[in-house]
Amino acid sequence: MTAKPITPCLWFDNQAEEADLFYTSIFKNSKIDSISRYGKEGFEFHRQKEGTALTVAFTINGQSFTALNGGPIFKFNEAVSFQVFCETQEEIDHYWTKLCDGGQPGQCGWLKDKYGLSWQIIPSVLPKLMSDPTKAGKVMNAFLKMKKFDIEKLLQA
């Protein structure tokens, strides 16, 4: 048996297509791969207007995702988040600003976008800093005071 990649499926009320356009506009290496749409069949169950996106397959930085318009039954929460590791402060600023637009910032690089999906915008250097026993405490003390990460302040800690 050949192992297949795991594809996260994101459940939206009715914003799957809108959300995918939002996400693919933020990440340079991204695209919408395919869209399937609700038809007349099954309306008594799904209650979606004919032509509404059922699923949208999209790719961000080589990672495949599926977005599903499944109705208002389930909502996102912080138990699952997507980590975006950034090499520069410019990258952190870009992703933070774009993904926070209409959403809400959190502590320590966490944010919720306008659809309620949680993201972590993280400097790539953070795991290395946190694995250094002489720096980890100071670095943690510095980032616990931050919402959006500041690479320079972490390096100075």
C-alpha atoms as a PDB file:
ATOM      1  CA  MET A   1       0.000   0.000   0.000  1.00  0.00           C
ATOM      2  CA  THR A   2       1.431   3.353  -1.060  1.00  0.00           C
ATOM      3  CA  ALA A   3       0.981   6.183   1.423  1.00  0.00           C
ATOM      4  CA  LYS A   4      -0.949   9.116   0.013  1.00  0.00           C
ATOM      5  CA  PRO A   5      -0.540  12.698   1.231  1.00  0.00           C
ATOM      6  CA  ILE A   6      -2.998  13.860   3.869  1.00  0.00           C
ATOM      7  CA  THR A   7      -5.294  16.660   2.709  1.00  0.00           C
ATOM      8  CA  PRO A   8      -6.982  18.864   5.309  1.00  0.00           C
ATOM      9  CA  CYS A   9     -10.681  19.469   4.630  1.00  0.00           C
ATOM     10  CA  LEU A  10     -11.964  22.829   5.858  1.00  0.00           C
ATOM     11  CA  TRP A  11     -15.696  23.007   6.596  1.00  0.00           C
ATOM     12  CA  PHE A  12     -17.333  26.313   5.758  1.00  0.00           C
ATOM     13  CA  ASP A  13     -20.973  27.346   6.021  1.00  0.00           C
ATOM     14  CA  ASN A  14     -21.153  28.741   2.473  1.00  0.00           C
ATOM     15  CA  GLN A  15     -17.875  30.670   2.004  1.00  0.00           C
ATOM     16  CA  ALA A  16     -15.578  27.920   0.615  1.00  0.00           C
ATOM     17  CA  GLU A  17     -15.021  29.532  -2.774  1.00  0.00           C
ATOM     18  CA  GLU A  18     -14.634  33.027  -1.308  1.00  0.00           C
ATOM     19  CA  ALA A  19     -12.179  31.756   1.326  1.00  0.00           C
ATOM     20  CA  ASP A  20     -10.084  29.901  -1.233  1.00  0.00           C
ATOM     21  CA  LEU A  21      -9.801  33.006  -3.385  1.00  0.00           C
ATOM     22  CA  PHE A  22      -8.733  34.895  -0.236  1.00  0.00           C
ATOM     23  CA  TYR A  23      -6.066  32.324   0.730  1.00  0.00           C
ATOM     24  CA  THR A  24      -4.685  31.896  -2.789  1.00  0.00           C
ATOM     25  CA  SER A  25      -4.355  35.686  -3.103  1.00  0.00           C
ATOM     26  CA  ILE A  26      -2.113  35.797   0.004  1.00  0.00           C
ATOM     27  CA  PHE A  27       0.314  32.966  -0.701  1.00  0.00           C
ATOM     28  CA  LYS A  28       2.453  33.328  -3.842  1.00  0.00           C
ATOM     29  CA  ASN A  29       2.797  29.614  -4.590  1.00  0.00           C
ATOM     30  CA  SER A  30      -0.900  28.754  -4.559  1.00  0.00           C
ATOM     31  CA  LYS A  31      -3.767  27.936  -6.882  1.00  0.00           C
ATOM     32  CA  ILE A  32      -7.320  26.700  -7.044  1.00  0.00           C
ATOM     33  CA  ASP A  33      -7.177  23.217  -8.536  1.00  0.00           C
ATOM     34  CA  SER A  34     -10.847  22.379  -9.065  1.00  0.00           C
ATOM     35  CA  ILE A  35     -14.374  23.256  -7.994  1.00  0.00           C
ATOM     36  CA  SER A  36     -17.353  20.917  -7.771  1.00  0.00           C
ATOM     37  CA  ARG A  37     -20.803  22.454  -7.539  1.00  0.00           C
ATOM     38  CA  TYR A  38     -24.172  21.565  -6.078  1.00  0.00           C
ATOM     39  CA  GLY A  39     -26.810  20.584  -8.605  1.00  0.00           C
ATOM     40  CA  LYS A  40     -30.590  20.259  -8.395  1.00  0.00           C
ATOM     41  CA  GLU A  41     -30.264  16.714  -7.105  1.00  0.00           C
ATOM     42  CA  GLY A  42     -30.412  16.349  -3.333  1.00  0.00           C
ATOM     43  CA  PHE A  43     -31.676  19.888  -2.666  1.00  0.00           C
ATOM     44  CA  GLU A  44     -34.062  18.520  -0.037  1.00  0.00           C
ATOM     45  CA  PHE A  45     -30.966  17.452   1.931  1.00  0.00           C
ATOM     46  CA  HIS A  46     -28.260  20.027   1.186  1.00  0.00           C
ATOM     47  CA  ARG A  47     -30.483  23.133   0.741  1.00  0.00           C
ATOM     48  CA  GLN A  48     -27.800  24.816  -1.374  1.00  0.00           C
ATOM     49  CA  LYS A  49     -28.625  26.895  -4.433  1.00  0.00           C
ATOM     50  CA  GLU A  50     -27.778  25.107  -7.674  1.00  0.00           C
ATOM     51  CA  GLY A  51     -24.300  26.166  -8.843  1.00  0.00           C
ATOM     52  CA  THR A  52     -22.994  26.928  -5.345  1.00  0.00           C
ATOM     53  CA  ALA A  53     -19.548  25.441  -4.728  1.00  0.00           C
ATOM     54  CA  LEU A  54     -19.735  22.083  -2.968  1.00  0.00           C
ATOM     55  CA  THR A  55     -15.975  21.571  -2.682  1.00  0.00           C
ATOM     56  CA  VAL A  56     -12.977  23.593  -3.766  1.00  0.00           C
ATOM     57  CA  ALA A  57      -9.610  21.855  -4.075  1.00  0.00           C
ATOM     58  CA  PHE A  58      -6.699  24.252  -3.701  1.00  0.00           C
ATOM     59  CA  THR A  59      -2.958  24.196  -3.070  1.00  0.00           C
ATOM     60  CA  ILE A  60      -0.826  26.500  -0.928  1.00  0.00           C
ATOM     61  CA  ASN A  61       2.960  26.060  -1.047  1.00  0.00           C
ATOM     62  CA  GLY A  62       2.609  22.474  -2.244  1.00  0.00           C
ATOM     63  CA  GLN A  63       0.051  21.514   0.457  1.00  0.00           C
ATOM     64  CA  SER A  64      -3.325  20.375  -0.869  1.00  0.00           C
ATOM     65  CA  PHE A  65      -6.525  21.447   0.875  1.00  0.00           C
ATOM     66  CA  THR A  66     -10.205  20.890   0.292  1.00  0.00           C
ATOM     67  CA  ALA A  67     -12.816  23.458   1.282  1.00  0.00           C
ATOM     68  CA  LEU A  68     -16.372  22.215   1.747  1.00  0.00           C
ATOM     69  CA  ASN A  69     -19.567  24.240   1.887  1.00  0.00           C
ATOM     70  CA  GLY A  70     -21.272  22.009   4.430  1.00  0.00           C
ATOM     71  CA  GLY A  71     -23.623  24.449   6.128  1.00  0.00           C
ATOM     72  CA  PRO A  72     -23.589  26.086   9.564  1.00  0.00           C
ATOM     73  CA  ILE A  73     -23.237  22.885  11.604  1.00  0.00           C
ATOM     74  CA  PHE A  74     -19.508  23.086  12.458  1.00  0.00           C
ATOM     75  CA  LYS A  75     -17.197  26.020  13.222  1.00  0.00           C
ATOM     76  CA  PHE A  76     -13.411  26.340  13.358  1.00  0.00           C
ATOM     77  CA  ASN A  77     -11.679  26.599  16.728  1.00  0.00           C
ATOM     78  CA  GLU A  78      -8.132  26.950  18.022  1.00  0.00           C
ATOM     79  CA  ALA A  79      -7.679  23.191  18.454  1.00  0.00           C
ATOM     80  CA  VAL A  80      -6.374  23.156  14.865  1.00  0.00           C
ATOM     81  CA  SER A  81      -4.199  25.850  13.318  1.00  0.00           C
ATOM     82  CA  PHE A  82      -1.907  26.238  10.335  1.00  0.00           C
ATOM     83  CA  GLN A  83       1.704  27.250  10.928  1.00  0.00           C
ATOM     84  CA  VAL A  84       3.428  29.560   8.464  1.00  0.00           C
ATOM     85  CA  PHE A  85       7.189  29.681   9.043  1.00  0.00           C
ATOM     86  CA  CYS A  86       8.764  32.933   7.844  1.00  0.00           C
ATOM     87  CA  GLU A  87      12.401  33.738   7.097  1.00  0.00           C
ATOM     88  CA  THR A  88      12.092  37.533   7.357  1.00  0.00           C
ATOM     89  CA  GLN A  89      10.182  40.177   9.256  1.00  0.00           C
ATOM     90  CA  GLU A  90       8.774  41.316   5.924  1.00  0.00           C
ATOM     91  CA  GLU A  91       7.184  37.871   5.452  1.00  0.00           C
ATOM     92  CA  ILE A  92       5.778  37.922   8.989  1.00  0.00           C
ATOM     93  CA  ASP A  93       4.327  41.392   8.410  1.00  0.00           C
ATOM     94  CA  HIS A  94       2.807  40.312   5.061  1.00  0.00           C
ATOM     95  CA  TYR A  95       1.055  37.183   6.321  1.00  0.00           C
ATOM     96  CA  TRP A  96       0.017  38.783   9.604  1.00  0.00           C
ATOM     97  CA  THR A  97      -1.542  41.811   7.905  1.00  0.00           C
ATOM     98  CA  LYS A  98      -3.302  39.853   5.160  1.00  0.00           C
ATOM     99  CA  LEU A  99      -4.621  37.018   7.336  1.00  0.00           C
ATOM    100  CA  CYS A 100      -5.693  39.389  10.152  1.00  0.00           C
ATOM    101  CA  ASP A 101      -7.707  41.530   7.729  1.00  0.00           C
ATOM    102  CA  GLY A 102     -11.266  41.080   8.995  1.00  0.00           C
ATOM    103  CA  GLY A 103     -10.047  38.641  11.641  1.00  0.00           C
ATOM    104  CA  GLN A 104      -8.452  39.071  15.027  1.00  0.00           C
ATOM    105  CA  PRO A 105      -4.860  38.974  16.282  1.00  0.00           C
ATOM    106  CA  GLY A 106      -3.908  36.695  19.144  1.00  0.00           C
ATOM    107  CA  GLN A 107      -0.854  36.206  21.331  1.00  0.00           C
ATOM    108  CA  CYS A 108       2.503  34.717  20.345  1.00  0.00           C
ATOM    109  CA  GLY A 109       2.000  34.799  16.583  1.00  0.00           C
ATOM    110  CA  TRP A 110      -1.523  33.318  16.618  1.00  0.00           C
ATOM    111  CA  LEU A 111      -4.424  34.898  14.765  1.00  0.00           C
ATOM    112  CA  LYS A 112      -7.876  34.038  13.509  1.00  0.00           C
ATOM    113  CA  ASP A 113      -8.746  35.028   9.968  1.00  0.00           C
ATOM    114  CA  LYS A 114     -12.129  36.422   8.942  1.00  0.00           C
ATOM    115  CA  TYR A 115     -13.497  32.884   8.542  1.00  0.00           C
ATOM    116  CA  GLY A 116     -12.450  31.861  12.062  1.00  0.00           C
ATOM    117  CA  LEU A 117      -9.533  29.681  10.929  1.00  0.00           C
ATOM    118  CA  SER A 118      -6.506  29.838  13.250  1.00  0.00           C
ATOM    119  CA  TRP A 119      -3.004  30.517  11.952  1.00  0.00           C
ATOM    120  CA  GLN A 120       0.421  30.789  13.562  1.00  0.00           C
ATOM    121  CA  ILE A 121       2.828  33.178  11.841  1.00  0.00           C
ATOM    122  CA  ILE A 122       6.221  32.069  13.151  1.00  0.00           C
ATOM    123  CA  PRO A 123       9.822  33.101  12.513  1.00  0.00           C
ATOM    124  CA  SER A 124      11.753  30.130  11.107  1.00  0.00           C
ATOM    125  CA  VAL A 125      14.512  30.818  13.624  1.00  0.00           C
ATOM    126  CA  LEU A 126      12.210  30.300  16.635  1.00  0.00           C
ATOM    127  CA  PRO A 127      12.623  26.496  16.998  1.00  0.00           C
ATOM    128  CA  LYS A 128      16.426  26.908  16.992  1.00  0.00           C
ATOM    129  CA  LEU A 129      16.245  29.667  19.615  1.00  0.00           C
ATOM    130  CA  MET A 130      13.900  27.610  21.777  1.00  0.00           C
ATOM    131  CA  SER A 131      16.152  24.538  21.625  1.00  0.00           C
ATOM    132  CA  ASP A 132      19.132  26.487  22.993  1.00  0.00           C
ATOM    133  CA  PRO A 133      18.971  26.038  26.789  1.00  0.00           C
ATOM    134  CA  THR A 134      20.931  29.255  27.358  1.00  0.00           C
ATOM    135  CA  LYS A 135      18.426  31.342  25.348  1.00  0.00           C
ATOM    136  CA  ALA A 136      15.068  29.551  25.528  1.00  0.00           C
ATOM    137  CA  GLY A 137      13.825  31.211  28.737  1.00  0.00           C
ATOM    138  CA  LYS A 138      14.703  34.720  27.586  1.00  0.00           C
ATOM    139  CA  VAL A 139      13.222  34.123  24.148  1.00  0.00           C
ATOM    140  CA  MET A 140      10.002  32.776  25.664  1.00  0.00           C
ATOM    141  CA  ASN A 141       9.788  35.734  28.000  1.00  0.00           C
ATOM    142  CA  ALA A 142      10.154  38.054  25.001  1.00  0.00           C
ATOM    143  CA  PHE A 143       7.559  36.394  22.765  1.00  0.00           C
ATOM    144  CA  LEU A 144       4.959  35.956  25.499  1.00  0.00           C
ATOM    145  CA  LYS A 145       4.638  39.762  25.396  1.00  0.00           C
ATOM    146  CA  MET A 146       4.113  39.812  21.622  1.00  0.00           C
ATOM    147  CA  LYS A 147       1.129  39.426  19.382  1.00  0.00           C
ATOM    148  CA  LYS A 148       2.897  39.556  15.999  1.00  0.00           C
ATOM    149  CA  PHE A 149       6.437  38.172  16.282  1.00  0.00           C
ATOM    150  CA  ASP A 150       9.362  40.587  16.054  1.00  0.00           C
ATOM    151  CA  ILE A 151      12.421  38.647  14.879  1.00  0.00           C
ATOM    152  CA  GLU A 152      14.893  41.314  15.982  1.00  0.00           C
ATOM    153  CA  LYS A 153      13.559  41.329  19.566  1.00  0.00           C
ATOM    154  CA  LEU A 154      13.741  37.527  19.687  1.00  0.00           C
ATOM    155  CA  LEU A 155      17.343  37.545  18.502  1.00  0.00           C
ATOM    156  CA  GLN A 156      18.229  40.194  21.101  1.00  0.00           C
ATOM    157  CA  ALA A 157      16.649  38.215  23.960  1.00  0.00           C
END
